[in-house]
């Protein structure tokens, strides 16, 4: 993870999980890492709409949220924006988690909204 992203995460997140896949400090060439801190629910929705609608980022897109209750709310917002979305959090069964990941991998779903649970096992 780039050092600037790591510093931002440490500043604004409680107990951030750091997951290393591959070489430490290097992201896969096909992955763009981006962290934005936006305060206020309305501002977050607007910024998410801007990011998704910009066309600058091709699906699949992963949106991390702090608590599982927010997963469902953000996924609902994403669907209202016209994108397909699934959630991944601790209240899902293993079968539901695998189905969500499969739908993202096979291109059926544009956006995965997840808690840090997803960061522990996505490859």
N, C-alpha and C. Protein backbone atom coordinates (compact mmCIF):
# COMPACT_ATOMS: atom_id res chain seq x y z
N UNK A 1 0.86 -1.17 0.00
CA UNK A 1 0.00 0.00 0.00
C UNK A 1 0.91 1.23 0.00
N UNK A 2 0.62 2.20 -0.84
CA UNK A 2 1.42 3.43 -0.82
C UNK A 2 1.40 4.06 0.56
N UNK A 3 2.52 4.67 0.93
CA UNK A 3 2.64 5.21 2.29
C UNK A 3 1.59 6.29 2.58
N UNK A 4 1.23 7.09 1.59
CA UNK A 4 0.21 8.12 1.82
C UNK A 4 -1.14 7.49 2.14
N UNK A 5 -1.48 6.41 1.46
CA UNK A 5 -2.74 5.70 1.72
C UNK A 5 -2.70 5.09 3.12
N UNK A 6 -1.56 4.53 3.49
CA UNK A 6 -1.42 3.94 4.82
C UNK A 6 -1.56 4.99 5.91
N UNK A 7 -0.96 6.15 5.71
CA UNK A 7 -1.07 7.23 6.71
C UNK A 7 -2.51 7.71 6.86
N UNK A 8 -3.21 7.86 5.74
CA UNK A 8 -4.60 8.30 5.80
C UNK A 8 -5.45 7.26 6.52
N UNK A 9 -5.24 5.99 6.19
CA UNK A 9 -6.00 4.92 6.83
C UNK A 9 -5.76 4.91 8.34
N UNK A 10 -4.51 5.04 8.76
CA UNK A 10 -4.20 5.04 10.19
C UNK A 10 -4.80 6.25 10.90
N UNK A 11 -4.89 7.37 10.19
CA UNK A 11 -5.42 8.58 10.81
C UNK A 11 -6.92 8.50 11.04
N UNK A 12 -7.66 7.92 10.09
CA UNK A 12 -9.11 7.98 10.14
C UNK A 12 -9.81 6.67 10.50
N UNK A 13 -9.12 5.56 10.48
CA UNK A 13 -9.77 4.28 10.75
C UNK A 13 -9.38 3.77 12.12
N UNK A 14 -10.32 3.12 12.77
CA UNK A 14 -10.03 2.45 14.04
C UNK A 14 -9.62 1.03 13.73
N UNK A 15 -8.54 0.60 14.30
CA UNK A 15 -8.03 -0.77 14.12
C UNK A 15 -8.04 -1.19 12.64
N UNK A 16 -7.35 -0.46 11.78
CA UNK A 16 -7.36 -0.84 10.36
C UNK A 16 -6.65 -2.18 10.16
N UNK A 17 -7.18 -2.97 9.27
CA UNK A 17 -6.57 -4.25 8.93
C UNK A 17 -5.69 -4.04 7.71
N UNK A 18 -4.48 -4.53 7.76
CA UNK A 18 -3.58 -4.43 6.62
C UNK A 18 -3.40 -5.83 6.06
N UNK A 19 -3.73 -5.97 4.80
CA UNK A 19 -3.65 -7.26 4.12
C UNK A 19 -2.59 -7.15 3.05
N UNK A 20 -1.62 -8.05 3.07
CA UNK A 20 -0.56 -8.02 2.07
C UNK A 20 -0.66 -9.27 1.21
N UNK A 21 -0.82 -9.05 -0.08
CA UNK A 21 -0.84 -10.15 -1.05
C UNK A 21 0.23 -9.81 -2.06
N UNK A 22 1.16 -10.71 -2.27
CA UNK A 22 2.25 -10.41 -3.20
C UNK A 22 3.37 -9.70 -2.46
N UNK A 23 4.06 -8.81 -3.14
CA UNK A 23 5.19 -8.10 -2.55
C UNK A 23 4.72 -6.93 -1.70
N UNK A 24 5.32 -6.79 -0.53
CA UNK A 24 4.96 -5.70 0.37
C UNK A 24 5.27 -4.37 -0.30
N UNK A 25 4.31 -3.46 -0.22
CA UNK A 25 4.50 -2.13 -0.77
C UNK A 25 4.17 -1.98 -2.24
N UNK A 26 3.79 -3.08 -2.89
CA UNK A 26 3.46 -3.02 -4.31
C UNK A 26 2.04 -3.51 -4.55
N UNK A 27 1.29 -2.77 -5.31
CA UNK A 27 -0.05 -3.22 -5.72
C UNK A 27 0.09 -3.90 -7.07
N UNK A 28 -0.82 -4.79 -7.36
CA UNK A 28 -0.86 -5.41 -8.67
C UNK A 28 -1.10 -4.31 -9.69
N UNK A 29 -0.48 -4.41 -10.85
CA UNK A 29 -0.60 -3.36 -11.87
C UNK A 29 -2.03 -3.06 -12.27
N UNK A 30 -2.92 -4.04 -12.15
CA UNK A 30 -4.30 -3.86 -12.58
C UNK A 30 -5.21 -3.30 -11.49
N UNK A 31 -4.66 -3.03 -10.31
CA UNK A 31 -5.47 -2.53 -9.19
C UNK A 31 -5.07 -1.09 -8.87
N UNK A 32 -6.07 -0.23 -8.80
CA UNK A 32 -5.81 1.14 -8.36
C UNK A 32 -6.36 1.28 -6.95
N UNK A 33 -5.50 1.67 -6.02
CA UNK A 33 -5.92 1.87 -4.64
C UNK A 33 -6.22 3.34 -4.43
N UNK A 34 -7.34 3.59 -3.77
CA UNK A 34 -7.73 4.97 -3.54
C UNK A 34 -8.47 5.05 -2.21
N UNK A 35 -8.08 6.01 -1.38
CA UNK A 35 -8.75 6.23 -0.11
C UNK A 35 -9.21 7.68 -0.09
N UNK A 36 -10.47 7.88 0.25
CA UNK A 36 -11.00 9.23 0.41
C UNK A 36 -11.78 9.28 1.70
N UNK A 37 -11.55 10.32 2.49
CA UNK A 37 -12.33 10.53 3.71
C UNK A 37 -13.29 11.66 3.43
N UNK A 38 -14.58 11.35 3.50
CA UNK A 38 -15.62 12.34 3.24
C UNK A 38 -16.57 12.32 4.42
N UNK A 39 -16.71 13.45 5.10
CA UNK A 39 -17.59 13.49 6.27
C UNK A 39 -19.01 13.86 5.84
N UNK A 40 -19.96 13.29 6.54
CA UNK A 40 -21.37 13.58 6.26
C UNK A 40 -21.95 12.61 5.25
N UNK A 41 -23.07 12.01 5.60
CA UNK A 41 -23.68 10.99 4.75
C UNK A 41 -24.05 11.52 3.37
N UNK A 42 -24.63 12.69 3.30
CA UNK A 42 -25.03 13.25 2.01
C UNK A 42 -23.82 13.49 1.11
N UNK A 43 -22.73 13.98 1.70
CA UNK A 43 -21.51 14.21 0.92
C UNK A 43 -20.92 12.89 0.44
N UNK A 44 -20.98 11.85 1.29
CA UNK A 44 -20.46 10.54 0.89
C UNK A 44 -21.25 9.98 -0.28
N UNK A 45 -22.58 10.08 -0.20
CA UNK A 45 -23.42 9.58 -1.30
C UNK A 45 -23.10 10.31 -2.60
N UNK A 46 -22.98 11.62 -2.50
CA UNK A 46 -22.71 12.43 -3.69
C UNK A 46 -21.35 12.06 -4.28
N UNK A 47 -20.34 11.91 -3.43
CA UNK A 47 -18.99 11.57 -3.92
C UNK A 47 -18.98 10.18 -4.53
N UNK A 48 -19.66 9.24 -3.92
CA UNK A 48 -19.73 7.89 -4.47
C UNK A 48 -20.41 7.92 -5.83
N UNK A 49 -21.47 8.67 -5.95
CA UNK A 49 -22.17 8.83 -7.24
C UNK A 49 -21.21 9.40 -8.29
N UNK A 50 -20.42 10.41 -7.91
CA UNK A 50 -19.46 11.01 -8.84
C UNK A 50 -18.42 9.99 -9.30
N UNK A 51 -17.90 9.21 -8.36
CA UNK A 51 -16.88 8.22 -8.70
C UNK A 51 -17.44 7.16 -9.63
N UNK A 52 -18.61 6.62 -9.27
CA UNK A 52 -19.19 5.54 -10.07
C UNK A 52 -19.61 6.02 -11.46
N UNK A 53 -20.13 7.23 -11.54
CA UNK A 53 -20.64 7.75 -12.81
C UNK A 53 -19.55 8.34 -13.71
N UNK A 54 -18.37 8.56 -13.16
CA UNK A 54 -17.31 9.22 -13.93
C UNK A 54 -16.82 8.39 -15.10
N UNK A 55 -16.91 7.08 -14.98
CA UNK A 55 -16.36 6.22 -16.02
C UNK A 55 -14.85 6.06 -15.92
N UNK A 56 -14.24 6.69 -14.92
CA UNK A 56 -12.79 6.59 -14.73
C UNK A 56 -12.36 5.25 -14.16
N UNK A 57 -13.29 4.54 -13.54
CA UNK A 57 -12.98 3.28 -12.89
C UNK A 57 -13.89 2.20 -13.42
N UNK A 58 -13.29 1.18 -14.00
CA UNK A 58 -14.08 0.09 -14.57
C UNK A 58 -14.42 -0.92 -13.48
N UNK A 59 -15.61 -1.50 -13.53
CA UNK A 59 -15.96 -2.55 -12.58
C UNK A 59 -15.03 -3.74 -12.75
N UNK A 60 -14.83 -4.51 -11.72
CA UNK A 60 -15.48 -4.43 -10.41
C UNK A 60 -14.83 -3.38 -9.52
N UNK A 61 -15.65 -2.78 -8.68
CA UNK A 61 -15.22 -1.76 -7.73
C UNK A 61 -15.58 -2.25 -6.34
N UNK A 62 -14.65 -2.12 -5.39
CA UNK A 62 -14.91 -2.51 -4.01
C UNK A 62 -15.00 -1.25 -3.16
N UNK A 63 -16.09 -1.12 -2.42
CA UNK A 63 -16.28 0.00 -1.49
C UNK A 63 -16.25 -0.58 -0.09
N UNK A 64 -15.29 -0.15 0.72
CA UNK A 64 -15.21 -0.62 2.09
C UNK A 64 -15.95 0.35 3.00
N UNK A 65 -16.71 -0.20 3.95
CA UNK A 65 -17.42 0.60 4.94
C UNK A 65 -17.02 0.14 6.33
N UNK A 66 -17.31 0.96 7.33
CA UNK A 66 -16.83 0.66 8.67
C UNK A 66 -17.66 -0.38 9.42
N UNK A 67 -18.96 -0.45 9.20
CA UNK A 67 -19.78 -1.41 9.92
C UNK A 67 -20.75 -2.09 8.96
N UNK A 68 -21.16 -3.31 9.32
CA UNK A 68 -22.00 -4.10 8.41
C UNK A 68 -23.36 -3.45 8.14
N UNK A 69 -23.89 -2.71 9.09
CA UNK A 69 -25.17 -2.02 8.86
C UNK A 69 -25.05 -1.06 7.68
N UNK A 70 -23.87 -0.43 7.55
CA UNK A 70 -23.65 0.49 6.44
C UNK A 70 -23.52 -0.22 5.10
N UNK A 71 -23.11 -1.49 5.11
CA UNK A 71 -22.98 -2.25 3.86
C UNK A 71 -24.30 -2.26 3.10
N UNK A 72 -25.35 -2.65 3.79
CA UNK A 72 -26.65 -2.76 3.13
C UNK A 72 -27.16 -1.39 2.67
N UNK A 73 -26.94 -0.36 3.48
CA UNK A 73 -27.40 0.98 3.12
C UNK A 73 -26.65 1.51 1.90
N UNK A 74 -25.34 1.33 1.87
CA UNK A 74 -24.55 1.80 0.73
C UNK A 74 -24.89 1.00 -0.52
N UNK A 75 -25.05 -0.31 -0.38
CA UNK A 75 -25.43 -1.14 -1.54
C UNK A 75 -26.78 -0.70 -2.10
N UNK A 76 -27.70 -0.38 -1.23
CA UNK A 76 -29.01 0.12 -1.67
C UNK A 76 -28.85 1.43 -2.45
N UNK A 77 -28.01 2.32 -1.93
CA UNK A 77 -27.75 3.58 -2.63
C UNK A 77 -27.13 3.34 -4.00
N UNK A 78 -26.18 2.43 -4.06
CA UNK A 78 -25.51 2.11 -5.32
C UNK A 78 -26.51 1.58 -6.34
N UNK A 79 -27.42 0.73 -5.88
CA UNK A 79 -28.45 0.19 -6.79
C UNK A 79 -29.37 1.30 -7.29
N UNK A 80 -29.71 2.24 -6.41
CA UNK A 80 -30.55 3.37 -6.83
C UNK A 80 -29.83 4.25 -7.85
N UNK A 81 -28.49 4.20 -7.85
CA UNK A 81 -27.70 4.97 -8.82
C UNK A 81 -27.63 4.27 -10.17
N UNK A 82 -28.18 3.05 -10.23
CA UNK A 82 -28.21 2.33 -11.50
C UNK A 82 -27.11 1.30 -11.69
N UNK A 83 -26.40 0.95 -10.63
CA UNK A 83 -25.34 -0.04 -10.70
C UNK A 83 -25.77 -1.29 -9.93
N UNK A 84 -25.22 -2.42 -10.32
CA UNK A 84 -25.50 -3.64 -9.56
C UNK A 84 -24.53 -3.70 -8.38
N UNK A 85 -25.01 -4.21 -7.25
CA UNK A 85 -24.18 -4.25 -6.04
C UNK A 85 -24.53 -5.46 -5.19
N UNK A 86 -23.51 -5.99 -4.52
CA UNK A 86 -23.69 -7.05 -3.53
C UNK A 86 -22.92 -6.65 -2.28
N UNK A 87 -23.26 -7.29 -1.16
CA UNK A 87 -22.59 -6.99 0.10
C UNK A 87 -21.82 -8.19 0.61
N UNK A 88 -20.82 -7.88 1.44
CA UNK A 88 -20.02 -8.92 2.07
C UNK A 88 -19.67 -8.44 3.48
N UNK A 89 -20.25 -9.14 4.48
CA UNK A 89 -19.97 -8.78 5.87
C UNK A 89 -20.19 -10.00 6.76
N UNK A 90 -19.90 -9.84 8.03
CA UNK A 90 -19.91 -10.95 8.98
C UNK A 90 -21.25 -11.61 9.22
N UNK A 91 -22.35 -10.98 8.87
CA UNK A 91 -23.66 -11.59 9.07
C UNK A 91 -24.07 -12.51 7.92
N UNK A 92 -23.28 -12.55 6.88
CA UNK A 92 -23.57 -13.42 5.74
C UNK A 92 -23.06 -14.83 6.02
N UNK A 93 -23.77 -15.82 5.48
CA UNK A 93 -23.27 -17.19 5.59
C UNK A 93 -22.10 -17.36 4.62
N UNK A 94 -21.36 -18.42 4.79
CA UNK A 94 -20.24 -18.67 3.88
C UNK A 94 -20.73 -18.82 2.44
N UNK A 95 -21.86 -19.49 2.26
CA UNK A 95 -22.42 -19.63 0.91
C UNK A 95 -22.78 -18.27 0.31
N UNK A 96 -23.36 -17.39 1.12
CA UNK A 96 -23.71 -16.05 0.63
C UNK A 96 -22.46 -15.24 0.28
N UNK A 97 -21.42 -15.40 1.09
CA UNK A 97 -20.15 -14.70 0.81
C UNK A 97 -19.55 -15.17 -0.50
N UNK A 98 -19.53 -16.48 -0.68
CA UNK A 98 -18.96 -17.04 -1.91
C UNK A 98 -19.77 -16.65 -3.13
N UNK A 99 -21.09 -16.61 -2.99
CA UNK A 99 -21.95 -16.21 -4.11
C UNK A 99 -21.71 -14.74 -4.46
N UNK A 100 -21.55 -13.90 -3.46
CA UNK A 100 -21.28 -12.47 -3.71
C UNK A 100 -19.96 -12.30 -4.45
N UNK A 101 -18.92 -12.97 -3.98
CA UNK A 101 -17.62 -12.87 -4.65
C UNK A 101 -17.67 -13.42 -6.06
N UNK A 102 -18.39 -14.53 -6.24
CA UNK A 102 -18.51 -15.13 -7.58
C UNK A 102 -19.20 -14.17 -8.54
N UNK A 103 -20.23 -13.48 -8.08
CA UNK A 103 -20.95 -12.55 -8.96
C UNK A 103 -20.07 -11.37 -9.37
N UNK A 104 -19.16 -10.98 -8.50
CA UNK A 104 -18.22 -9.91 -8.83
C UNK A 104 -17.17 -10.43 -9.81
N UNK A 105 -16.63 -11.61 -9.52
CA UNK A 105 -15.59 -12.18 -10.38
C UNK A 105 -16.08 -12.45 -11.80
N UNK A 106 -17.33 -12.93 -11.93
CA UNK A 106 -17.81 -13.28 -13.27
C UNK A 106 -18.45 -12.11 -14.01
N UNK A 107 -18.40 -10.92 -13.42
CA UNK A 107 -18.86 -9.73 -14.11
C UNK A 107 -20.35 -9.43 -14.00
N UNK A 108 -21.09 -10.20 -13.20
CA UNK A 108 -22.52 -9.95 -13.02
C UNK A 108 -22.78 -8.73 -12.14
N UNK A 109 -21.83 -8.40 -11.27
CA UNK A 109 -22.01 -7.32 -10.31
C UNK A 109 -20.92 -6.27 -10.49
N UNK A 110 -21.33 -5.00 -10.49
CA UNK A 110 -20.39 -3.88 -10.66
C UNK A 110 -19.65 -3.53 -9.38
N UNK A 111 -20.37 -3.53 -8.25
CA UNK A 111 -19.82 -3.00 -7.00
C UNK A 111 -20.00 -3.99 -5.86
N UNK A 112 -18.91 -4.24 -5.14
CA UNK A 112 -18.94 -5.03 -3.92
C UNK A 112 -18.80 -4.05 -2.76
N UNK A 113 -19.78 -4.04 -1.86
CA UNK A 113 -19.73 -3.19 -0.67
C UNK A 113 -19.43 -4.11 0.50
N UNK A 114 -18.33 -3.83 1.22
CA UNK A 114 -17.87 -4.79 2.21
C UNK A 114 -17.27 -4.12 3.44
N UNK A 115 -17.28 -4.88 4.53
CA UNK A 115 -16.52 -4.49 5.72
C UNK A 115 -15.12 -5.06 5.55
N UNK A 116 -14.28 -4.90 6.56
CA UNK A 116 -12.91 -5.41 6.47
C UNK A 116 -12.86 -6.93 6.36
N UNK A 117 -13.98 -7.60 6.57
CA UNK A 117 -14.04 -9.05 6.37
C UNK A 117 -13.54 -9.42 4.98
N UNK A 118 -13.93 -8.64 3.98
CA UNK A 118 -13.54 -8.91 2.60
C UNK A 118 -12.04 -8.77 2.41
N UNK A 119 -11.45 -7.82 3.11
CA UNK A 119 -10.02 -7.60 2.97
C UNK A 119 -9.17 -8.74 3.47
N UNK A 120 -9.77 -9.63 4.24
CA UNK A 120 -9.03 -10.77 4.79
C UNK A 120 -8.98 -11.95 3.84
N UNK A 121 -9.73 -11.89 2.73
CA UNK A 121 -9.74 -13.10 1.92
C UNK A 121 -9.95 -12.92 0.43
N UNK A 122 -9.90 -11.72 -0.08
CA UNK A 122 -10.09 -11.53 -1.52
C UNK A 122 -8.76 -11.67 -2.22
N UNK A 123 -8.73 -12.47 -3.26
CA UNK A 123 -7.51 -12.56 -4.09
C UNK A 123 -7.89 -12.57 -5.54
